[in-house]
Amino acid sequence: MQAAMTAELKTDIPVAQQLSCEPTLIALLAVLVAAGSLVTLTKNVEVTNMGSVFGFVFDPKKEMMNGRAAMLGFASLLVVEGFTGEAFF
């Protein structure tokens, strides 16, 4: 999200148009991220706190909520730019 925002600020090109410039690399990255996310499901690994020092900060439930909020924010950005046809930032 930050990379898309930074590129949009510098070039004034909407995110959807940025994504269309390198569709193969974007698709490969999406597949790799999805595969990495599914490893815990296929290996039956339980995600627990990430250490006693940082356990209160990197709580798995909080990280799941932050990730979902980021995905919704990025999807919202694509929708807004799709309707307006202009760069949001």
N, C-alpha and C. Protein backbone atom coordinates (compact mmCIF):
# COMPACT_ATOMS: atom_id res chain seq x y z
N MET A 1 0.83 -1.19 0.00
CA MET A 1 0.00 0.00 0.00
C MET A 1 0.88 1.25 0.00
N GLN A 2 1.91 1.24 0.84
CA GLN A 2 2.79 2.42 0.90
C GLN A 2 3.55 2.61 -0.40
N ALA A 3 3.96 1.52 -1.02
CA ALA A 3 4.68 1.63 -2.30
C ALA A 3 3.77 2.21 -3.37
N ALA A 4 2.51 1.74 -3.41
CA ALA A 4 1.57 2.26 -4.39
C ALA A 4 1.29 3.74 -4.15
N MET A 5 1.15 4.11 -2.87
CA MET A 5 0.89 5.49 -2.54
C MET A 5 2.08 6.38 -2.92
N THR A 6 3.29 5.92 -2.63
CA THR A 6 4.48 6.70 -2.95
C THR A 6 4.63 6.86 -4.46
N ALA A 7 4.44 5.77 -5.20
CA ALA A 7 4.53 5.86 -6.66
C ALA A 7 3.45 6.77 -7.23
N GLU A 8 2.27 6.71 -6.62
CA GLU A 8 1.18 7.57 -7.09
C GLU A 8 1.49 9.04 -6.83
N LEU A 9 2.07 9.33 -5.69
CA LEU A 9 2.42 10.71 -5.37
C LEU A 9 3.48 11.25 -6.34
N LYS A 10 4.45 10.40 -6.69
CA LYS A 10 5.53 10.86 -7.57
C LYS A 10 5.11 10.97 -9.02
N THR A 11 4.27 10.05 -9.49
CA THR A 11 3.95 10.01 -10.92
C THR A 11 2.54 10.49 -11.26
N ASP A 12 1.66 10.58 -10.27
CA ASP A 12 0.26 10.96 -10.47
C ASP A 12 -0.47 9.96 -11.38
N ILE A 13 -0.06 8.67 -11.27
CA ILE A 13 -0.70 7.59 -12.02
C ILE A 13 -1.52 6.76 -11.03
N PRO A 14 -2.81 6.50 -11.31
CA PRO A 14 -3.63 5.70 -10.39
C PRO A 14 -3.07 4.29 -10.18
N VAL A 15 -3.43 3.68 -9.06
CA VAL A 15 -2.91 2.37 -8.68
C VAL A 15 -3.27 1.31 -9.72
N ALA A 16 -4.49 1.31 -10.22
CA ALA A 16 -4.91 0.31 -11.21
C ALA A 16 -4.03 0.38 -12.46
N GLN A 17 -3.68 1.57 -12.86
CA GLN A 17 -2.82 1.74 -14.03
C GLN A 17 -1.40 1.28 -13.70
N GLN A 18 -0.94 1.51 -12.48
CA GLN A 18 0.37 1.01 -12.06
C GLN A 18 0.40 -0.50 -12.11
N LEU A 19 -0.68 -1.13 -11.64
CA LEU A 19 -0.74 -2.59 -11.62
C LEU A 19 -0.78 -3.17 -13.03
N SER A 20 -1.36 -2.45 -13.98
CA SER A 20 -1.45 -2.96 -15.34
C SER A 20 -0.11 -2.88 -16.07
N CYS A 21 0.84 -2.13 -15.55
CA CYS A 21 2.14 -2.01 -16.21
C CYS A 21 2.95 -3.30 -16.12
N GLU A 22 2.86 -4.03 -15.01
CA GLU A 22 3.60 -5.27 -14.80
C GLU A 22 2.68 -6.37 -14.28
N PRO A 23 1.74 -6.84 -15.09
CA PRO A 23 0.76 -7.82 -14.59
C PRO A 23 1.38 -9.16 -14.19
N THR A 24 2.43 -9.60 -14.88
CA THR A 24 3.05 -10.88 -14.55
C THR A 24 3.72 -10.84 -13.19
N LEU A 25 4.46 -9.78 -12.92
CA LEU A 25 5.14 -9.67 -11.63
C LEU A 25 4.14 -9.51 -10.49
N ILE A 26 3.07 -8.76 -10.72
CA ILE A 26 2.05 -8.57 -9.70
C ILE A 26 1.36 -9.90 -9.40
N ALA A 27 1.03 -10.66 -10.45
CA ALA A 27 0.39 -11.96 -10.24
C ALA A 27 1.32 -12.92 -9.51
N LEU A 28 2.60 -12.93 -9.85
CA LEU A 28 3.57 -13.78 -9.17
C LEU A 28 3.68 -13.41 -7.70
N LEU A 29 3.73 -12.13 -7.41
CA LEU A 29 3.80 -11.68 -6.02
C LEU A 29 2.55 -12.09 -5.25
N ALA A 30 1.38 -11.95 -5.86
CA ALA A 30 0.14 -12.33 -5.19
C ALA A 30 0.11 -13.83 -4.89
N VAL A 31 0.58 -14.64 -5.83
CA VAL A 31 0.62 -16.10 -5.62
C VAL A 31 1.59 -16.44 -4.50
N LEU A 32 2.75 -15.82 -4.47
CA LEU A 32 3.73 -16.09 -3.42
C LEU A 32 3.23 -15.68 -2.05
N VAL A 33 2.58 -14.55 -1.95
CA VAL A 33 2.04 -14.10 -0.66
C VAL A 33 0.92 -15.03 -0.21
N ALA A 34 0.05 -15.42 -1.13
CA ALA A 34 -1.02 -16.35 -0.77
C ALA A 34 -0.47 -17.70 -0.33
N ALA A 35 0.54 -18.19 -1.02
CA ALA A 35 1.15 -19.47 -0.64
C ALA A 35 1.78 -19.37 0.74
N GLY A 36 2.46 -18.28 1.00
CA GLY A 36 3.07 -18.10 2.32
C GLY A 36 2.02 -17.99 3.42
N SER A 37 0.90 -17.41 3.11
CA SER A 37 -0.17 -17.29 4.11
C SER A 37 -0.85 -18.62 4.38
N LEU A 38 -0.89 -19.50 3.39
CA LEU A 38 -1.57 -20.77 3.54
C LEU A 38 -0.70 -21.85 4.20
N VAL A 39 0.57 -21.58 4.41
CA VAL A 39 1.46 -22.57 5.01
C VAL A 39 0.96 -22.96 6.40
N THR A 40 0.52 -22.01 7.17
CA THR A 40 0.06 -22.33 8.53
C THR A 40 -1.19 -23.21 8.51
N LEU A 41 -2.03 -23.08 7.49
CA LEU A 41 -3.22 -23.94 7.40
C LEU A 41 -2.86 -25.36 6.99
N THR A 42 -1.93 -25.50 6.05
CA THR A 42 -1.59 -26.84 5.56
C THR A 42 -0.71 -27.61 6.54
N LYS A 43 0.06 -26.92 7.34
CA LYS A 43 0.96 -27.59 8.29
C LYS A 43 0.35 -27.71 9.67
N ASN A 44 -0.89 -27.26 9.85
CA ASN A 44 -1.57 -27.29 11.15
C ASN A 44 -0.75 -26.61 12.24
N VAL A 45 -0.22 -25.46 11.91
CA VAL A 45 0.58 -24.68 12.85
C VAL A 45 -0.32 -23.67 13.54
N GLU A 46 -0.24 -23.60 14.86
CA GLU A 46 -1.02 -22.62 15.60
C GLU A 46 -0.18 -21.37 15.82
N VAL A 47 -0.72 -20.22 15.46
CA VAL A 47 -0.01 -18.97 15.63
C VAL A 47 -0.24 -18.49 17.05
N THR A 48 0.85 -18.28 17.78
CA THR A 48 0.76 -17.82 19.16
C THR A 48 1.48 -16.49 19.28
N ASN A 49 1.58 -15.98 20.51
CA ASN A 49 2.29 -14.72 20.72
C ASN A 49 3.72 -14.85 20.27
N MET A 50 4.29 -13.75 19.82
CA MET A 50 5.62 -13.76 19.23
C MET A 50 6.69 -13.37 20.24
N GLY A 51 6.70 -14.01 21.37
CA GLY A 51 7.71 -13.74 22.38
C GLY A 51 7.12 -12.96 23.54
N SER A 52 7.73 -13.11 24.69
CA SER A 52 7.19 -12.47 25.89
C SER A 52 7.39 -10.95 25.88
N VAL A 53 8.48 -10.49 25.26
CA VAL A 53 8.75 -9.05 25.26
C VAL A 53 7.79 -8.31 24.33
N PHE A 54 7.57 -8.85 23.14
CA PHE A 54 6.73 -8.18 22.16
C PHE A 54 5.36 -8.81 22.02
N GLY A 55 5.01 -9.73 22.88
CA GLY A 55 3.74 -10.43 22.79
C GLY A 55 2.53 -9.52 22.88
N PHE A 56 2.65 -8.45 23.67
CA PHE A 56 1.53 -7.53 23.81
C PHE A 56 1.36 -6.65 22.58
N VAL A 57 2.42 -6.46 21.81
CA VAL A 57 2.35 -5.63 20.61
C VAL A 57 1.95 -6.46 19.39
N PHE A 58 2.60 -7.60 19.21
CA PHE A 58 2.37 -8.45 18.04
C PHE A 58 1.45 -9.61 18.38
N ASP A 59 0.32 -9.31 18.93
CA ASP A 59 -0.68 -10.32 19.25
C ASP A 59 -1.28 -10.84 17.94
N PRO A 60 -1.40 -12.15 17.75
CA PRO A 60 -1.94 -12.67 16.48
C PRO A 60 -3.32 -12.12 16.12
N LYS A 61 -4.18 -11.92 17.09
CA LYS A 61 -5.51 -11.38 16.79
C LYS A 61 -5.43 -9.94 16.30
N LYS A 62 -4.53 -9.16 16.93
CA LYS A 62 -4.35 -7.77 16.49
C LYS A 62 -3.76 -7.72 15.09
N GLU A 63 -2.78 -8.58 14.82
CA GLU A 63 -2.16 -8.60 13.50
C GLU A 63 -3.16 -9.02 12.44
N MET A 64 -4.04 -9.96 12.76
CA MET A 64 -5.07 -10.39 11.81
C MET A 64 -6.01 -9.22 11.51
N MET A 65 -6.39 -8.47 12.53
CA MET A 65 -7.29 -7.32 12.33
C MET A 65 -6.59 -6.23 11.52
N ASN A 66 -5.30 -5.97 11.80
CA ASN A 66 -4.56 -4.96 11.04
C ASN A 66 -4.45 -5.35 9.57
N GLY A 67 -4.19 -6.63 9.32
CA GLY A 67 -4.09 -7.10 7.94
C GLY A 67 -5.41 -6.96 7.20
N ARG A 68 -6.49 -7.30 7.87
CA ARG A 68 -7.81 -7.18 7.23
C ARG A 68 -8.14 -5.72 6.95
N ALA A 69 -7.81 -4.84 7.89
CA ALA A 69 -8.07 -3.41 7.69
C ALA A 69 -7.24 -2.88 6.51
N ALA A 70 -6.00 -3.33 6.39
CA ALA A 70 -5.16 -2.90 5.27
C ALA A 70 -5.73 -3.37 3.94
N MET A 71 -6.22 -4.61 3.90
CA MET A 71 -6.80 -5.13 2.66
C MET A 71 -8.05 -4.34 2.28
N LEU A 72 -8.89 -4.02 3.26
CA LEU A 72 -10.09 -3.23 2.98
C LEU A 72 -9.73 -1.82 2.51
N GLY A 73 -8.71 -1.25 3.13
CA GLY A 73 -8.27 0.08 2.73
C GLY A 73 -7.74 0.11 1.31
N PHE A 74 -6.95 -0.91 0.95
CA PHE A 74 -6.42 -0.95 -0.41
C PHE A 74 -7.53 -1.20 -1.43
N ALA A 75 -8.47 -2.08 -1.10
CA ALA A 75 -9.60 -2.32 -2.00
C ALA A 75 -10.43 -1.06 -2.16
N SER A 76 -10.62 -0.31 -1.08
CA SER A 76 -11.36 0.95 -1.15
C SER A 76 -10.64 1.96 -2.03
N LEU A 77 -9.32 1.99 -1.94
CA LEU A 77 -8.53 2.89 -2.79
C LEU A 77 -8.74 2.56 -4.26
N LEU A 78 -8.73 1.26 -4.60
CA LEU A 78 -8.96 0.87 -5.99
C LEU A 78 -10.35 1.24 -6.46
N VAL A 79 -11.35 1.09 -5.60
CA VAL A 79 -12.73 1.45 -5.97
C VAL A 79 -12.86 2.95 -6.20
N VAL A 80 -12.31 3.74 -5.28
CA VAL A 80 -12.40 5.20 -5.41
C VAL A 80 -11.71 5.67 -6.68
N GLU A 81 -10.50 5.15 -6.94
CA GLU A 81 -9.79 5.55 -8.14
C GLU A 81 -10.50 5.05 -9.40
N GLY A 82 -11.16 3.90 -9.31
CA GLY A 82 -11.91 3.39 -10.46
C GLY A 82 -13.08 4.28 -10.81
N PHE A 83 -13.77 4.78 -9.78
CA PHE A 83 -14.92 5.66 -10.03
C PHE A 83 -14.50 7.05 -10.52
N THR A 84 -13.45 7.60 -9.91
CA THR A 84 -13.03 8.95 -10.28
C THR A 84 -12.14 8.99 -11.50
N GLY A 85 -11.38 7.90 -11.74
CA GLY A 85 -10.45 7.89 -12.87
C GLY A 85 -9.20 8.69 -12.64
N GLU A 86 -8.98 9.14 -11.41
CA GLU A 86 -7.82 9.96 -11.07
C GLU A 86 -7.06 9.31 -9.92
N ALA A 87 -5.82 9.73 -9.76
CA ALA A 87 -5.02 9.29 -8.63
C ALA A 87 -5.60 9.87 -7.34
N PHE A 88 -5.68 9.06 -6.29
CA PHE A 88 -6.26 9.52 -5.03
C PHE A 88 -5.30 10.43 -4.28
N PHE A 89 -4.02 10.12 -4.32
CA PHE A 89 -3.05 10.92 -3.56
C PHE A 89 -2.40 11.95 -4.44
